Amino acid sequence: MLRQNPADTTPTTSPDGVDRRVPTAAEALGVYRQADLPWYGLDAGWQGARGLGSVSTGPDGMIEFGTLRHGDPPAARPGARAQRRSVTVLTMARLGRRPLFKPDGTAAGSVEAMNVSAAAALAGVGLVEDNWPWDLDPSVRQQWLDQQRELAYVVSEVLAGEPWQPLTLLVGQQQQAFHYRESPYGWVMAAARPDCFLAAYGRGVSAYSLAFVRVDPELYV
């Protein structure tokens, strides 16, 4: 497992005194620590920057998945997209269908089970959202983003056949078969593992050169 001592950060507050501080490194890391997930990231062959991504919880409060970032941050300004080299690794819990309850204890439906298609879809959405369409007219950017998100879900419903193809990479020194596809914005891959569903997306970096390992989130602080 890759490890590194965490760095210290200082929280910030707004000038008006309202507590709008940014979570400290320790607080952000604590969220990852609370998750019952076997976090995966790129192996020591990746020499670029690393950073915490985000953690997502279901409607019942259970942590479902989270991401760890490698390389350049998302495109936040015009012209940034073409310069980026990045890989984001998504670890998803192997959770089955689980019931939902109202505060009074009565049944309120259920949460769908996690699966490799869901991991692939979320990675596809992440790839799109990391590549804001600055080249489009502002009036249609949100419409484009919504359409691309929907497409990411549609193409992930069936992972056998086009646009998906098989790709085998090392995960923890063992061969792992992935479902892999490319798009104009980068690439997406996903696999089912015994301990989780593992997915990744990126651009500017060849997916064929990557290897994954279990990591300590401290490495990303």
Protein backbone atom coordinates (compact mmCIF):
# COMPACT_ATOMS: atom_id res chain seq x y z
CA MET A 1 0.00 0.00 0.00
CA LEU A 2 1.35 3.43 -0.92
CA ARG A 3 1.78 5.76 2.04
CA GLN A 4 2.90 9.29 2.74
CA ASN A 5 2.70 11.64 5.70
CA PRO A 6 -0.21 14.11 5.37
CA ALA A 7 0.46 17.80 4.86
CA ASP A 8 -1.08 20.46 7.10
CA THR A 9 -3.47 23.06 5.74
CA THR A 10 -5.09 26.06 7.36
CA PRO A 11 -8.86 26.59 7.24
CA THR A 12 -10.21 29.87 5.88
CA THR A 13 -13.18 31.99 6.97
CA SER A 14 -15.08 34.70 5.16
CA PRO A 15 -14.37 38.40 5.91
CA ASP A 16 -17.84 38.85 7.41
CA GLY A 17 -17.04 36.33 10.13
CA VAL A 18 -19.47 33.68 8.90
CA ASP A 19 -18.00 30.18 9.14
CA ARG A 20 -17.49 29.30 5.49
CA ARG A 21 -14.08 27.74 6.00
CA VAL A 22 -12.57 25.19 3.69
CA PRO A 23 -12.20 21.79 5.39
CA THR A 24 -8.70 21.16 6.66
CA ALA A 25 -6.60 18.38 5.21
CA ALA A 26 -7.27 16.34 8.33
CA GLU A 27 -11.04 16.82 8.01
CA ALA A 28 -11.07 15.88 4.33
CA LEU A 29 -8.92 12.86 5.05
CA GLY A 30 -11.24 11.88 7.89
CA VAL A 31 -14.12 11.46 5.45
CA TYR A 32 -12.07 8.97 3.47
CA ARG A 33 -11.08 7.20 6.67
CA GLN A 34 -14.72 6.79 7.66
CA ALA A 35 -15.55 5.05 4.39
CA ASP A 36 -15.47 1.29 4.45
CA LEU A 37 -13.81 1.22 1.03
CA PRO A 38 -10.56 -0.35 -0.23
CA TRP A 39 -9.20 2.81 -1.83
CA TYR A 40 -7.39 2.35 -5.12
CA GLY A 41 -5.10 4.74 -6.98
CA LEU A 42 -2.26 4.67 -9.47
CA ASP A 43 0.89 2.82 -8.49
CA ALA A 44 4.31 4.35 -7.83
CA GLY A 45 4.92 4.64 -11.57
CA TRP A 46 2.77 7.78 -11.47
CA GLN A 47 5.13 10.64 -10.64
CA GLY A 48 2.63 13.49 -10.96
CA ALA A 49 0.46 15.30 -8.43
CA ARG A 50 -2.12 13.46 -6.33
CA GLY A 51 -5.16 14.87 -4.58
CA LEU A 52 -8.37 13.88 -2.84
CA GLY A 53 -11.44 13.96 -5.04
CA SER A 54 -14.88 13.53 -3.50
CA VAL A 55 -16.90 10.99 -1.51
CA SER A 56 -20.56 10.29 -2.26
CA THR A 57 -23.20 8.94 0.12
CA GLY A 58 -26.51 7.33 -0.68
CA PRO A 59 -29.93 8.52 0.55
CA ASP A 60 -29.50 6.28 3.59
CA GLY A 61 -26.20 7.91 4.51
CA MET A 62 -23.99 5.00 3.50
CA ILE A 63 -20.83 5.93 1.60
CA GLU A 64 -21.18 4.46 -1.88
CA PHE A 65 -18.09 5.61 -3.75
CA GLY A 66 -15.26 8.10 -3.85
CA THR A 67 -12.52 9.37 -6.11
CA LEU A 68 -8.80 10.08 -5.96
CA ARG A 69 -7.24 12.47 -8.47
CA HIS A 70 -3.94 12.30 -10.30
CA GLY A 71 -2.44 15.10 -12.39
CA ASP A 72 -3.93 18.41 -13.47
CA PRO A 73 -7.16 19.78 -11.95
CA PRO A 74 -10.40 20.01 -13.98
CA ALA A 75 -10.65 22.65 -16.69
CA ALA A 76 -11.78 25.76 -14.79
CA ARG A 77 -11.08 28.36 -17.46
CA PRO A 78 -11.01 28.70 -21.25
CA GLY A 79 -8.01 27.05 -22.85
CA ALA A 80 -7.25 24.77 -19.90
CA ARG A 81 -8.83 21.67 -21.41
CA ALA A 82 -6.25 21.10 -24.15
CA GLN A 83 -3.36 21.28 -21.68
CA ARG A 84 -4.58 18.79 -19.11
CA ARG A 85 -3.07 15.43 -18.14
CA SER A 86 -5.18 13.72 -15.54
CA VAL A 87 -6.45 10.40 -14.25
CA THR A 88 -9.21 10.02 -11.68
CA VAL A 89 -9.70 6.65 -9.96
CA LEU A 90 -13.15 5.76 -8.62
CA THR A 91 -13.65 3.12 -5.92
CA MET A 92 -17.25 1.91 -5.44
CA ALA A 93 -18.52 -0.26 -2.60
CA ARG A 94 -20.05 -3.63 -3.45
CA LEU A 95 -23.41 -2.81 -1.88
CA GLY A 96 -26.52 -4.84 -2.57
CA ARG A 97 -30.06 -3.49 -2.74
CA ARG A 98 -30.91 -2.04 0.65
CA PRO A 99 -34.15 -0.74 2.17
CA LEU A 100 -34.92 2.90 2.91
CA PHE A 101 -36.96 3.97 5.93
CA LYS A 102 -38.72 7.16 6.95
CA PRO A 103 -37.85 8.80 10.30
CA ASP A 104 -40.83 6.98 11.88
CA GLY A 105 -39.45 3.62 10.78
CA THR A 106 -41.92 2.91 7.97
CA ALA A 107 -40.63 1.62 4.64
CA ALA A 108 -39.73 4.23 2.00
CA GLY A 109 -38.53 2.14 -0.92
CA SER A 110 -35.03 0.89 -1.53
CA VAL A 111 -31.61 1.84 -2.89
CA GLU A 112 -30.48 0.03 -6.02
CA ALA A 113 -27.50 -2.31 -5.77
CA MET A 114 -24.11 -1.06 -6.90
CA ASN A 115 -22.66 -2.74 -10.00
CA VAL A 116 -19.91 -2.34 -12.57
CA SER A 117 -22.24 -0.56 -15.00
CA ALA A 118 -22.96 2.09 -12.36
CA ALA A 119 -19.23 2.56 -11.80
CA ALA A 120 -18.67 2.90 -15.56
CA ALA A 121 -21.51 5.43 -15.84
CA LEU A 122 -20.20 7.57 -12.98
CA ALA A 123 -16.72 7.54 -14.48
CA GLY A 124 -18.19 8.64 -17.81
CA VAL A 125 -20.08 11.47 -16.16
CA GLY A 126 -16.93 12.49 -14.30
CA LEU A 127 -14.98 12.67 -17.55
CA VAL A 128 -17.59 14.95 -19.10
CA GLU A 129 -17.85 17.21 -16.07
CA ASP A 130 -14.07 17.60 -15.94
CA ASN A 131 -14.10 18.97 -19.47
CA TRP A 132 -16.33 22.04 -19.40
CA PRO A 133 -17.20 23.03 -23.00
CA TRP A 134 -15.70 26.50 -23.10
CA ASP A 135 -15.72 26.43 -26.91
CA LEU A 136 -19.53 26.27 -27.04
CA ASP A 137 -21.87 29.23 -26.89
CA PRO A 138 -22.75 29.92 -23.23
CA SER A 139 -26.46 29.49 -24.00
CA VAL A 140 -26.01 25.80 -24.91
CA ARG A 141 -23.25 24.68 -22.55
CA GLN A 142 -25.57 23.31 -19.87
CA GLN A 143 -27.71 21.55 -22.49
CA TRP A 144 -24.59 19.93 -23.92
CA LEU A 145 -23.46 18.83 -20.48
CA ASP A 146 -26.86 17.30 -19.68
CA GLN A 147 -26.86 15.42 -22.98
CA GLN A 148 -23.36 14.06 -22.42
CA ARG A 149 -24.22 12.96 -18.89
CA GLU A 150 -27.24 11.08 -20.20
CA LEU A 151 -25.13 9.49 -22.92
CA ALA A 152 -22.62 8.31 -20.31
CA TYR A 153 -25.41 6.44 -18.53
CA VAL A 154 -26.88 5.01 -21.72
CA VAL A 155 -23.61 3.59 -23.07
CA SER A 156 -22.90 2.00 -19.68
CA GLU A 157 -26.09 -0.03 -19.55
CA VAL A 158 -24.45 -2.76 -21.64
CA LEU A 159 -20.68 -3.14 -21.37
CA ALA A 160 -20.37 -5.93 -23.93
CA GLY A 161 -19.63 -4.67 -27.44
CA GLU A 162 -19.23 -1.19 -28.92
CA PRO A 163 -18.17 1.31 -27.75
CA TRP A 164 -16.55 -0.87 -25.08
CA GLN A 165 -13.54 -3.08 -25.62
CA PRO A 166 -11.53 -5.33 -23.28
CA LEU A 167 -8.38 -4.00 -21.64
CA THR A 168 -6.20 -5.89 -19.17
CA LEU A 169 -4.08 -3.96 -16.68
CA LEU A 170 -2.25 -4.69 -13.45
CA VAL A 171 -4.17 -4.17 -10.21
CA GLY A 172 -2.12 -5.01 -7.16
CA GLN A 173 0.35 -6.98 -9.30
CA GLN A 174 -2.43 -9.17 -10.73
CA GLN A 175 -4.00 -9.07 -14.19
CA GLN A 176 -7.42 -7.41 -14.17
CA ALA A 177 -9.86 -7.28 -17.08
CA PHE A 178 -11.50 -3.88 -17.62
CA HIS A 179 -14.28 -2.61 -19.85
CA TYR A 180 -12.71 0.30 -21.73
CA ARG A 181 -13.97 2.98 -24.12
CA GLU A 182 -12.64 6.17 -25.64
CA SER A 183 -14.40 9.45 -26.37
CA PRO A 184 -13.45 12.85 -27.81
CA TYR A 185 -12.76 13.99 -24.24
CA GLY A 186 -10.61 11.11 -23.01
CA TRP A 187 -11.24 7.53 -21.90
CA VAL A 188 -13.23 5.55 -19.33
CA MET A 189 -12.70 2.10 -17.84
CA ALA A 190 -14.43 -0.05 -15.21
CA ALA A 191 -14.00 -3.49 -13.66
CA ALA A 192 -15.59 -5.72 -11.04
CA ARG A 193 -13.21 -6.81 -8.30
CA PRO A 194 -13.80 -9.05 -5.28
CA ASP A 195 -13.51 -6.11 -2.87
CA CYS A 196 -15.11 -3.28 -4.91
CA PHE A 197 -16.05 -1.95 -8.31
CA LEU A 198 -13.06 -0.08 -9.75
CA ALA A 199 -13.31 2.59 -12.43
CA ALA A 200 -11.13 5.35 -13.84
CA TYR A 201 -11.26 8.14 -16.38
CA GLY A 202 -8.66 10.44 -17.82
CA ARG A 203 -7.24 12.46 -20.68
CA GLY A 204 -3.75 13.27 -21.90
CA VAL A 205 -2.44 10.01 -20.37
CA SER A 206 -2.43 6.63 -22.10
CA ALA A 207 -4.70 4.22 -20.27
CA TYR A 208 -2.56 1.35 -21.53
CA SER A 209 0.39 2.56 -19.41
CA LEU A 210 -1.43 2.53 -16.06
CA ALA A 211 -1.36 0.18 -13.09
CA PHE A 212 -3.47 0.35 -9.93
CA VAL A 213 -2.79 -0.51 -6.30
CA ARG A 214 -4.46 -0.17 -2.91
CA VAL A 215 -3.43 3.20 -1.51
CA ASP A 216 -3.51 5.11 1.73
CA PRO A 217 -5.53 8.32 1.22
CA GLU A 218 -2.87 10.18 3.21
CA LEU A 219 -0.78 10.06 0.06
CA TYR A 220 -3.35 12.40 -1.53
CA VAL A 221 -3.39 15.15 1.09
